[in-house]
Amino acid sequence: MVFRRHILWLVYSQTTSTLTLIFLRVTKSYTENPNYLELLRQRDEGILTQMVLEETPKLYRCIARLVRDPDEVQNLVQETFLQALRKVENFRGESLFSTWLCAIGINLARASLRRSIRTDLMDEADIEVLQPRFDEQGHAIAEYPLWNPERGLIRKEQIRILYEAIERLPEDYRLAITLRDLEELPMDEVARMLEITEGNLRVRLHRARNALRNLLIHYDTNT
């Protein structure tokens, strides 16, 4: 199909940075066109190009937080766009189109992970061990400084350590931290992407941040 080849070429070019300057010159979002959904249904080349150029960076980052292999990430980005076009009739406008796209990409990334085996991920029991402990009076058993993410990003070594710690988190926690804290997406948007309530998202974020704080406490206290 012509539109499939067009998307594959665009994603490949965008993820290898050859279209960065073209992307930077795009000043108007494709979603500002009141007919963008109809144009997508018609496989309009102009709107397809705008969509891929605008959405690829964010989509790539989201998927890359789950999948390590760059080639597989690129394949999943391509497949996300193709699935979105096949399912565009199902988009009801209850969220941003970019949120809907990311949700498709995340589901594809999860399916890819299920086909692979990772032995270095923590499980729920590991996360529980890293949560704060309190005595019968409700006092913290161990005293520790609050983790400050900004301070932990000062040096390249700390950045590397932070990202390695995030990669060790279980999938659900890693996604929550990535979308909310790294991508800085709104709570309601992240909840829609992960198909959970905002309350459940807050619990995941709280537990994930506690786990990261304890994993990184050694480095924080020596800065």
Protein backbone atom coordinates (compact mmCIF):
# COMPACT_ATOMS: atom_id res chain seq x y z
CA MET A 1 0.00 0.00 0.00
CA VAL A 2 1.26 3.46 -0.92
CA PHE A 3 0.40 5.08 2.42
CA ARG A 4 2.21 2.27 4.29
CA ARG A 5 5.43 2.86 2.32
CA HIS A 6 5.04 6.60 2.89
CA ILE A 7 4.76 6.15 6.66
CA LEU A 8 7.64 3.69 6.85
CA TRP A 9 9.87 6.14 4.98
CA LEU A 10 8.80 9.08 7.15
CA VAL A 11 9.35 7.26 10.45
CA TYR A 12 12.71 5.91 9.32
CA SER A 13 13.82 9.36 8.21
CA GLN A 14 12.51 11.08 11.33
CA THR A 15 14.11 8.60 13.75
CA THR A 16 17.42 8.92 11.93
CA SER A 17 17.18 12.73 12.21
CA THR A 18 17.23 13.55 8.50
CA LEU A 19 13.88 15.34 8.69
CA THR A 20 14.57 17.34 11.86
CA LEU A 21 14.84 20.66 10.04
CA ILE A 22 11.62 20.00 8.15
CA PHE A 23 9.89 19.20 11.45
CA LEU A 24 11.18 22.39 13.04
CA ARG A 25 9.64 24.43 10.23
CA VAL A 26 6.18 22.98 10.91
CA THR A 27 4.55 25.74 12.96
CA LYS A 28 0.93 24.62 12.85
CA SER A 29 -0.22 21.33 14.31
CA TYR A 30 -2.05 18.97 11.98
CA THR A 31 -4.84 18.70 14.58
CA GLU A 32 -5.61 22.41 14.08
CA ASN A 33 -7.05 21.47 10.72
CA PRO A 34 -10.78 20.94 11.48
CA ASN A 35 -10.88 18.19 8.83
CA TYR A 36 -7.76 16.30 9.93
CA LEU A 37 -9.62 13.12 10.90
CA GLU A 38 -11.39 12.95 7.55
CA LEU A 39 -8.11 13.63 5.77
CA LEU A 40 -6.47 10.81 7.72
CA ARG A 41 -9.30 8.48 6.72
CA GLN A 42 -8.67 9.47 3.11
CA ARG A 43 -4.92 8.80 3.56
CA ASP A 44 -4.12 12.37 2.54
CA GLU A 45 -0.34 12.49 2.07
CA GLY A 46 0.03 16.02 3.44
CA ILE A 47 -1.77 15.34 6.72
CA LEU A 48 0.00 11.96 7.07
CA THR A 49 3.35 13.70 6.74
CA GLN A 50 2.43 16.32 9.34
CA MET A 51 1.17 13.69 11.78
CA VAL A 52 4.27 11.52 11.55
CA LEU A 53 6.67 14.44 11.82
CA GLU A 54 4.84 15.91 14.80
CA GLU A 55 4.11 12.73 16.74
CA THR A 56 7.21 10.59 16.14
CA PRO A 57 9.55 12.18 18.77
CA LYS A 58 7.10 11.79 21.67
CA LEU A 59 5.91 8.38 20.51
CA TYR A 60 9.49 7.14 20.09
CA ARG A 61 10.44 8.27 23.62
CA CYS A 62 7.43 6.56 25.18
CA ILE A 63 8.07 3.25 23.46
CA ALA A 64 11.85 3.42 24.03
CA ARG A 65 11.25 3.51 27.80
CA LEU A 66 9.83 0.01 27.50
CA VAL A 67 11.75 -1.52 24.61
CA ARG A 68 15.54 -1.34 24.50
CA ASP A 69 16.25 -2.41 20.93
CA PRO A 70 16.29 0.74 18.72
CA ASP A 71 15.29 -1.24 15.63
CA GLU A 72 12.31 -2.73 17.45
CA VAL A 73 11.33 0.71 18.75
CA GLN A 74 11.37 2.05 15.20
CA ASN A 75 9.26 -0.88 14.00
CA LEU A 76 6.75 -0.29 16.81
CA VAL A 77 6.50 3.42 16.00
CA GLN A 78 5.74 2.53 12.39
CA GLU A 79 3.18 -0.07 13.42
CA THR A 80 1.54 2.42 15.78
CA PHE A 81 0.85 4.83 12.92
CA LEU A 82 -0.39 2.04 10.68
CA GLN A 83 -2.74 0.70 13.36
CA ALA A 84 -3.97 4.21 14.10
CA LEU A 85 -4.90 4.71 10.46
CA ARG A 86 -6.68 1.38 10.34
CA LYS A 87 -8.60 2.25 13.52
CA VAL A 88 -9.10 5.99 12.99
CA GLU A 89 -12.85 5.41 12.70
CA ASN A 90 -12.77 4.31 16.36
CA PHE A 91 -11.33 7.60 17.61
CA ARG A 92 -14.14 9.39 19.44
CA GLY A 93 -12.32 12.56 20.45
CA GLU A 94 -12.58 11.80 24.18
CA SER A 95 -8.85 12.47 24.52
CA LEU A 96 -6.14 14.18 22.51
CA PHE A 97 -5.29 12.36 19.30
CA SER A 98 -1.66 12.16 20.49
CA THR A 99 -2.86 10.47 23.71
CA TRP A 100 -4.77 7.91 21.67
CA LEU A 101 -1.68 7.31 19.51
CA CYS A 102 0.56 6.79 22.55
CA ALA A 103 -1.92 4.35 24.05
CA ILE A 104 -1.71 2.25 20.87
CA GLY A 105 2.10 2.45 20.95
CA ILE A 106 2.25 1.42 24.60
CA ASN A 107 0.03 -1.60 23.99
CA LEU A 108 2.24 -2.66 21.08
CA ALA A 109 5.35 -2.20 23.22
CA ARG A 110 3.84 -4.34 25.98
CA ALA A 111 3.06 -7.08 23.46
CA SER A 112 6.65 -6.89 22.26
CA LEU A 113 7.93 -7.22 25.82
CA ARG A 114 5.81 -10.31 26.38
CA ARG A 115 7.63 -11.90 23.45
CA SER A 116 10.99 -11.26 25.09
CA ILE A 117 12.44 -12.22 28.45
CA ARG A 118 14.04 -9.74 30.85
CA THR A 119 15.54 -11.08 34.07
CA ASP A 120 16.69 -7.74 35.52
CA LEU A 121 13.25 -6.24 36.18
CA MET A 122 11.99 -5.87 39.72
CA ASP A 123 8.65 -7.40 40.63
CA GLU A 124 5.93 -6.18 42.99
CA ALA A 125 7.69 -7.75 45.99
CA ASP A 126 10.86 -5.79 45.19
CA ILE A 127 8.84 -2.57 44.99
CA GLU A 128 7.23 -3.33 48.35
CA VAL A 129 10.62 -3.77 50.02
CA LEU A 130 11.62 -0.29 48.82
CA GLN A 131 8.59 1.42 50.38
CA PRO A 132 8.93 3.44 53.64
CA ARG A 133 8.60 1.50 56.91
CA PHE A 134 6.77 2.80 60.00
CA ASP A 135 6.58 1.66 63.64
CA GLU A 136 3.37 1.08 65.60
CA GLN A 137 3.15 4.80 66.43
CA GLY A 138 3.34 5.68 62.74
CA HIS A 139 6.89 7.03 62.87
CA ALA A 140 9.32 6.29 60.07
CA ILE A 141 11.69 3.51 61.10
CA ALA A 142 14.53 4.83 58.98
CA GLU A 143 15.40 8.47 58.44
CA TYR A 144 16.37 9.45 54.93
CA PRO A 145 16.39 12.65 52.94
CA LEU A 146 13.64 13.21 50.41
CA TRP A 147 14.75 12.35 46.90
CA ASN A 148 15.14 15.44 44.77
CA PRO A 149 14.89 14.51 41.05
CA GLU A 150 16.38 17.84 39.92
CA ARG A 151 19.46 17.39 42.10
CA GLY A 152 19.80 13.86 40.76
CA LEU A 153 20.04 15.14 37.19
CA ILE A 154 23.00 17.46 37.70
CA ARG A 155 25.76 15.22 36.38
CA LYS A 156 25.82 12.81 33.43
CA GLU A 157 26.69 9.92 35.73
CA GLN A 158 23.65 10.61 37.86
CA ILE A 159 21.48 10.80 34.75
CA ARG A 160 22.75 7.40 33.67
CA ILE A 161 22.09 5.94 37.12
CA LEU A 162 18.60 7.44 37.23
CA TYR A 163 17.61 6.00 33.86
CA GLU A 164 19.07 2.61 34.71
CA ALA A 165 17.02 2.60 37.92
CA ILE A 166 13.85 3.53 36.00
CA GLU A 167 14.49 0.70 33.53
CA ARG A 168 14.56 -1.77 36.44
CA LEU A 169 11.06 -0.82 37.56
CA PRO A 170 8.18 -3.13 36.64
CA GLU A 171 6.44 -2.14 33.42
CA ASP A 172 3.42 -0.43 35.02
CA TYR A 173 5.57 1.71 37.31
CA ARG A 174 8.10 2.53 34.60
CA LEU A 175 5.36 3.76 32.30
CA ALA A 176 3.79 5.92 35.01
CA ILE A 177 7.12 7.58 35.87
CA THR A 178 8.08 8.00 32.21
CA LEU A 179 4.85 9.59 31.05
CA ARG A 180 4.18 11.75 34.10
CA ASP A 181 7.64 12.73 35.41
CA LEU A 182 9.85 12.56 32.31
CA GLU A 183 7.40 13.50 29.57
CA GLU A 184 5.51 15.78 32.02
CA LEU A 185 2.13 14.82 30.59
CA PRO A 186 -1.04 15.77 32.51
CA MET A 187 -2.38 13.24 35.01
CA ASP A 188 -5.65 12.73 33.14
CA GLU A 189 -3.82 12.16 29.85
CA VAL A 190 -1.46 9.58 31.39
CA ALA A 191 -4.37 7.79 33.06
CA ARG A 192 -6.15 7.50 29.70
CA MET A 193 -3.01 6.15 28.03
CA LEU A 194 -2.59 3.48 30.71
CA GLU A 195 -6.34 2.83 30.91
CA ILE A 196 -6.47 3.31 34.68
CA THR A 197 -8.08 5.83 37.02
CA GLU A 198 -6.22 8.92 38.17
CA GLY A 199 -6.37 7.50 41.70
CA ASN A 200 -4.60 4.32 40.62
CA LEU A 201 -2.06 6.40 38.73
CA ARG A 202 -1.26 8.41 41.87
CA VAL A 203 -0.68 5.17 43.80
CA ARG A 204 1.68 3.86 41.11
CA LEU A 205 3.58 7.14 41.00
CA HIS A 206 3.91 7.24 44.78
CA ARG A 207 5.23 3.69 44.97
CA ALA A 208 7.53 4.15 41.98
CA ARG A 209 9.00 7.37 43.40
CA ASN A 210 9.58 5.72 46.76
CA ALA A 211 11.36 2.84 45.04
CA LEU A 212 13.53 5.19 42.98
CA ARG A 213 14.34 7.31 46.01
CA ASN A 214 15.63 4.27 47.88
CA LEU A 215 17.55 2.99 44.87
CA LEU A 216 19.21 6.39 44.44
CA ILE A 217 19.62 7.44 48.08
CA HIS A 218 23.30 6.50 48.11
CA TYR A 219 24.01 8.87 45.24
CA ASP A 220 21.77 11.63 46.59
CA THR A 221 23.44 11.74 49.98
CA ASN A 222 26.87 12.09 48.38
CA THR A 223 26.08 15.09 46.16
